[in-house]
Protein backbone atom coordinates (compact mmCIF):
# COMPACT_ATOMS: atom_id res chain seq x y z
CA UNK A 1 -13.66 13.74 -7.57
CA UNK A 2 -9.91 14.24 -7.44
CA UNK A 3 -8.88 12.92 -4.02
CA UNK A 4 -5.14 13.10 -4.69
CA UNK A 5 -4.90 16.83 -5.50
CA UNK A 6 -4.48 17.80 -1.83
CA UNK A 7 -3.12 15.74 1.06
CA UNK A 8 -1.70 16.18 4.52
CA UNK A 9 -0.11 14.03 7.20
CA UNK A 10 -2.51 13.35 10.08
CA UNK A 11 -0.89 10.97 12.57
CA UNK A 12 1.19 7.87 13.22
CA UNK A 13 0.18 4.78 15.18
CA UNK A 14 2.89 2.68 16.83
CA UNK A 15 0.54 0.42 18.83
CA UNK A 16 -2.93 -1.02 18.15
CA UNK A 17 -4.35 1.28 20.80
CA UNK A 18 -3.05 4.29 18.88
CA UNK A 19 -5.21 3.61 15.82
CA UNK A 20 -7.74 6.39 15.15
CA UNK A 21 -11.46 5.60 15.23
CA UNK A 22 -12.96 4.09 12.09
CA UNK A 23 -14.24 6.91 9.94
CA UNK A 24 -13.65 8.03 6.35
CA UNK A 25 -12.93 5.56 3.53
CA UNK A 26 -9.31 4.39 3.55
CA UNK A 27 -6.80 3.16 0.99
CA UNK A 28 -4.08 1.07 2.64
CA UNK A 29 -0.60 0.64 1.17
CA UNK A 30 1.50 -2.40 2.08
CA UNK A 31 4.76 -3.89 0.84
CA UNK A 32 8.10 -5.40 1.71
CA UNK A 33 10.80 -3.11 3.03
CA UNK A 34 12.62 -1.12 0.38
CA UNK A 35 10.27 -1.86 -2.55
CA UNK A 36 9.54 1.82 -3.17
CA UNK A 37 6.26 2.10 -1.26
CA UNK A 38 6.89 5.60 0.09
CA UNK A 39 8.07 6.80 -3.32
CA UNK A 40 4.91 5.36 -4.90
CA UNK A 41 2.73 7.16 -2.35
CA UNK A 42 4.54 10.45 -2.96
CA UNK A 43 4.13 10.04 -6.73
CA UNK A 44 0.40 9.36 -6.43
CA UNK A 45 -0.07 12.33 -4.11
CA UNK A 46 2.13 14.61 -6.21
CA UNK A 47 4.31 15.39 -3.19
CA UNK A 48 8.06 14.85 -3.00
CA UNK A 49 8.55 14.30 0.71
CA UNK A 50 5.19 13.73 2.35
CA UNK A 51 5.83 10.01 2.90
CA UNK A 52 9.41 9.74 4.07
CA UNK A 53 11.67 7.59 1.94
CA UNK A 54 14.82 5.88 3.18
CA UNK A 55 17.54 3.66 1.75
CA UNK A 56 17.56 1.80 5.08
CA UNK A 57 15.04 -1.07 4.96
CA UNK A 58 12.72 -1.44 7.92
CA UNK A 59 12.87 2.25 8.86
CA UNK A 60 9.10 2.78 8.91
CA UNK A 61 7.64 0.92 11.90
CA UNK A 62 4.40 2.83 12.40
CA UNK A 63 1.13 3.09 10.51
CA UNK A 64 0.99 6.57 9.01
CA UNK A 65 -2.32 8.24 8.15
CA UNK A 66 -2.74 10.93 5.49
CA UNK A 67 -5.90 12.87 4.73
CA UNK A 68 -6.90 13.29 1.08
CA UNK A 69 -8.86 16.08 -0.63
CA UNK A 70 -12.33 14.76 0.17
CA UNK A 71 -11.52 13.66 3.73
CA UNK A 72 -10.61 10.10 2.73
CA UNK A 73 -7.49 8.57 4.23
CA UNK A 74 -4.41 7.04 2.70
CA UNK A 75 -2.85 4.60 5.16
CA UNK A 76 0.84 3.69 4.90
CA UNK A 77 1.45 0.35 6.62
CA UNK A 78 5.01 -0.41 7.85
CA UNK A 79 7.21 -2.41 5.47
CA UNK A 80 7.68 -6.09 6.21
CA UNK A 81 10.27 -8.76 5.59
CA UNK A 82 13.57 -7.07 6.49
CA UNK A 83 15.70 -9.77 8.13
CA UNK A 84 17.85 -7.40 10.22
CA UNK A 85 14.87 -6.03 12.10
CA UNK A 86 14.75 -7.71 15.55
CA UNK A 87 12.19 -10.47 15.95
CA UNK A 88 10.31 -8.44 18.56
CA UNK A 89 9.87 -5.65 16.01
CA UNK A 90 8.64 -8.12 13.40
CA UNK A 91 6.09 -9.45 15.90
CA UNK A 92 5.05 -5.88 16.68
CA UNK A 93 4.48 -5.36 12.94
CA UNK A 94 2.23 -8.43 12.80
CA UNK A 95 0.25 -7.27 15.82
CA UNK A 96 -0.10 -3.68 14.58
CA UNK A 97 -1.03 -4.48 10.98
CA UNK A 98 -3.28 -7.33 12.13
CA UNK A 99 -5.11 -4.95 14.45
CA UNK A 100 -5.56 -2.48 11.62
CA UNK A 101 -6.98 -5.02 9.16
CA UNK A 102 -9.24 -6.62 11.77
CA UNK A 103 -10.69 -3.32 12.99
CA UNK A 104 -11.61 -1.78 9.65
CA UNK A 105 -12.23 -2.65 6.02
CA UNK A 106 -10.22 -0.41 3.68
CA UNK A 107 -11.67 0.36 0.27
CA UNK A 108 -8.62 -1.37 -1.18
CA UNK A 109 -5.16 -2.54 -0.19
CA UNK A 110 -2.40 -1.52 -2.58
CA UNK A 111 0.37 -4.12 -2.34
CA UNK A 112 3.61 -2.67 -3.68
CA UNK A 113 6.10 -5.18 -5.10
CA UNK A 114 9.50 -4.55 -6.67
CA UNK A 115 8.95 -5.41 -10.35
CA UNK A 116 12.37 -7.10 -10.39
CA UNK A 117 11.49 -9.43 -7.49
CA UNK A 118 7.69 -9.76 -7.29
CA UNK A 119 5.70 -12.19 -5.19
CA UNK A 120 8.01 -13.40 -2.44
CA UNK A 121 6.77 -15.85 0.19
CA UNK A 122 5.91 -12.93 2.47
CA UNK A 123 3.94 -11.26 -0.32
CA UNK A 124 2.02 -14.50 -0.79
CA UNK A 125 1.31 -14.62 2.96
CA UNK A 126 -0.06 -11.07 2.91
CA UNK A 127 -2.26 -11.80 -0.09
CA UNK A 128 -3.53 -14.87 1.73
CA UNK A 129 -4.42 -12.72 4.74
CA UNK A 130 -6.30 -10.26 2.55
CA UNK A 131 -8.47 -12.98 1.01
CA UNK A 132 -11.42 -11.39 -0.78
CA UNK A 133 -10.26 -7.85 0.03
CA UNK A 134 -10.06 -5.65 -3.07
CA UNK A 135 -6.37 -5.47 -3.97
CA UNK A 136 -4.19 -3.58 -6.42
CA UNK A 137 -0.72 -4.99 -7.08
CA UNK A 138 1.68 -2.18 -7.91
CA UNK A 139 4.86 -3.40 -9.62
CA UNK A 140 7.22 -0.59 -8.66
CA UNK A 141 10.60 0.38 -10.11
CA UNK A 142 9.38 -0.70 -13.55
CA UNK A 143 11.83 1.77 -15.10
CA UNK A 144 14.64 -0.63 -14.17
CA UNK A 145 13.26 -3.26 -16.56
CA UNK A 146 13.34 -3.36 -20.35
CA UNK A 147 10.03 -3.29 -22.20
CA UNK A 148 10.24 -7.02 -22.80
CA UNK A 149 10.97 -7.64 -19.13
CA UNK A 150 8.08 -5.38 -18.11
CA UNK A 151 5.69 -7.31 -20.33
CA UNK A 152 6.84 -10.67 -18.98
CA UNK A 153 6.67 -9.48 -15.36
CA UNK A 154 3.18 -8.07 -15.84
CA UNK A 155 1.92 -11.27 -17.44
CA UNK A 156 3.48 -13.35 -14.67
CA UNK A 157 1.77 -11.29 -11.97
CA UNK A 158 -1.73 -11.27 -13.48
CA UNK A 159 -2.59 -14.54 -11.79
CA UNK A 160 -1.96 -13.05 -8.33
CA UNK A 161 -4.81 -10.52 -8.37
CA UNK A 162 -7.37 -9.11 -10.82
CA UNK A 163 -5.72 -5.67 -10.72
CA UNK A 164 -2.00 -5.41 -11.52
CA UNK A 165 -0.15 -2.32 -12.77
CA UNK A 166 3.43 -1.49 -13.72
CA UNK A 167 4.58 1.61 -11.87
CA UNK A 168 7.57 3.95 -11.69
CA UNK A 169 7.88 6.99 -9.46
CA UNK A 170 10.86 8.06 -11.62
CA UNK A 171 9.25 8.04 -15.09
CA UNK A 172 5.70 8.36 -13.67
CA UNK A 173 4.65 5.25 -15.55
CA UNK A 174 1.25 4.14 -14.27
CA UNK A 175 0.74 7.14 -11.95
CA UNK A 176 -2.35 8.63 -13.62
CA UNK A 177 -3.79 5.20 -14.36
CA UNK A 178 -3.54 4.18 -10.71
CA UNK A 179 -4.94 7.50 -9.50
CA UNK A 180 -7.99 7.05 -11.72
CA UNK A 181 -8.52 3.45 -10.58
CA UNK A 182 -8.22 4.27 -6.86
CA UNK A 183 -10.38 7.40 -7.16
CA UNK A 184 -13.06 5.31 -8.86
CA UNK A 185 -12.97 2.77 -6.05
CA UNK A 186 -13.30 5.51 -3.43
CA UNK A 187 -16.24 7.00 -5.29
CA UNK A 188 -18.00 3.64 -5.65
CA UNK A 189 -17.38 2.64 -2.04
CA UNK A 190 -18.83 5.69 -0.32
CA UNK A 191 -21.53 4.53 2.06
CA UNK A 192 -20.85 0.87 1.30
CA UNK A 193 -20.09 -0.74 4.65
CA UNK A 194 -18.28 -4.09 4.65
CA UNK A 195 -17.04 -6.42 7.40
CA UNK A 196 -13.35 -6.18 8.38
CA UNK A 197 -10.67 -8.60 7.18
CA UNK A 198 -10.35 -11.71 9.35
CA UNK A 199 -7.76 -14.40 9.81
CA UNK A 200 -4.58 -12.41 10.60
């Protein structure tokens, strides 16, 4: 199975009531604003502009759904943690993402962190929310670190989750490795129903 060979945008959800019905297996992507989440998604899907990138943090404020080759979904959650976003918008993020995680159980949540500044307090809060949920930590922008810095960053992040990978959408470091890992999880999870995440 090669779920990332074809993909298309399906819909956006701005409110909990806009979320589509639970259906195909889903991979959810989360991360702080401006950590390279959209670039990582585009690299994994082999598409340059499917997930819109922006230099303005906090631009994405909806949950965006993409359909993969086998009908599975890739779900792009809005970035969190940008201070200049109004408090009401931050509360809307909490309500929207909380509704998503409480209403379904994604195959995995890919938490994208900037390799230069991994594991902020907000990242820790998200990981606490996810609990036993299968998680992949993607240390993006790894190309901005030296090899020694990459090694130290990777070792420092291994205690946060069982699955941690260095990643660069520029050099494509980690792209194929992450595709294989996520495709394997999708394959193994088909037909395996689990309860949704609680405690948001």
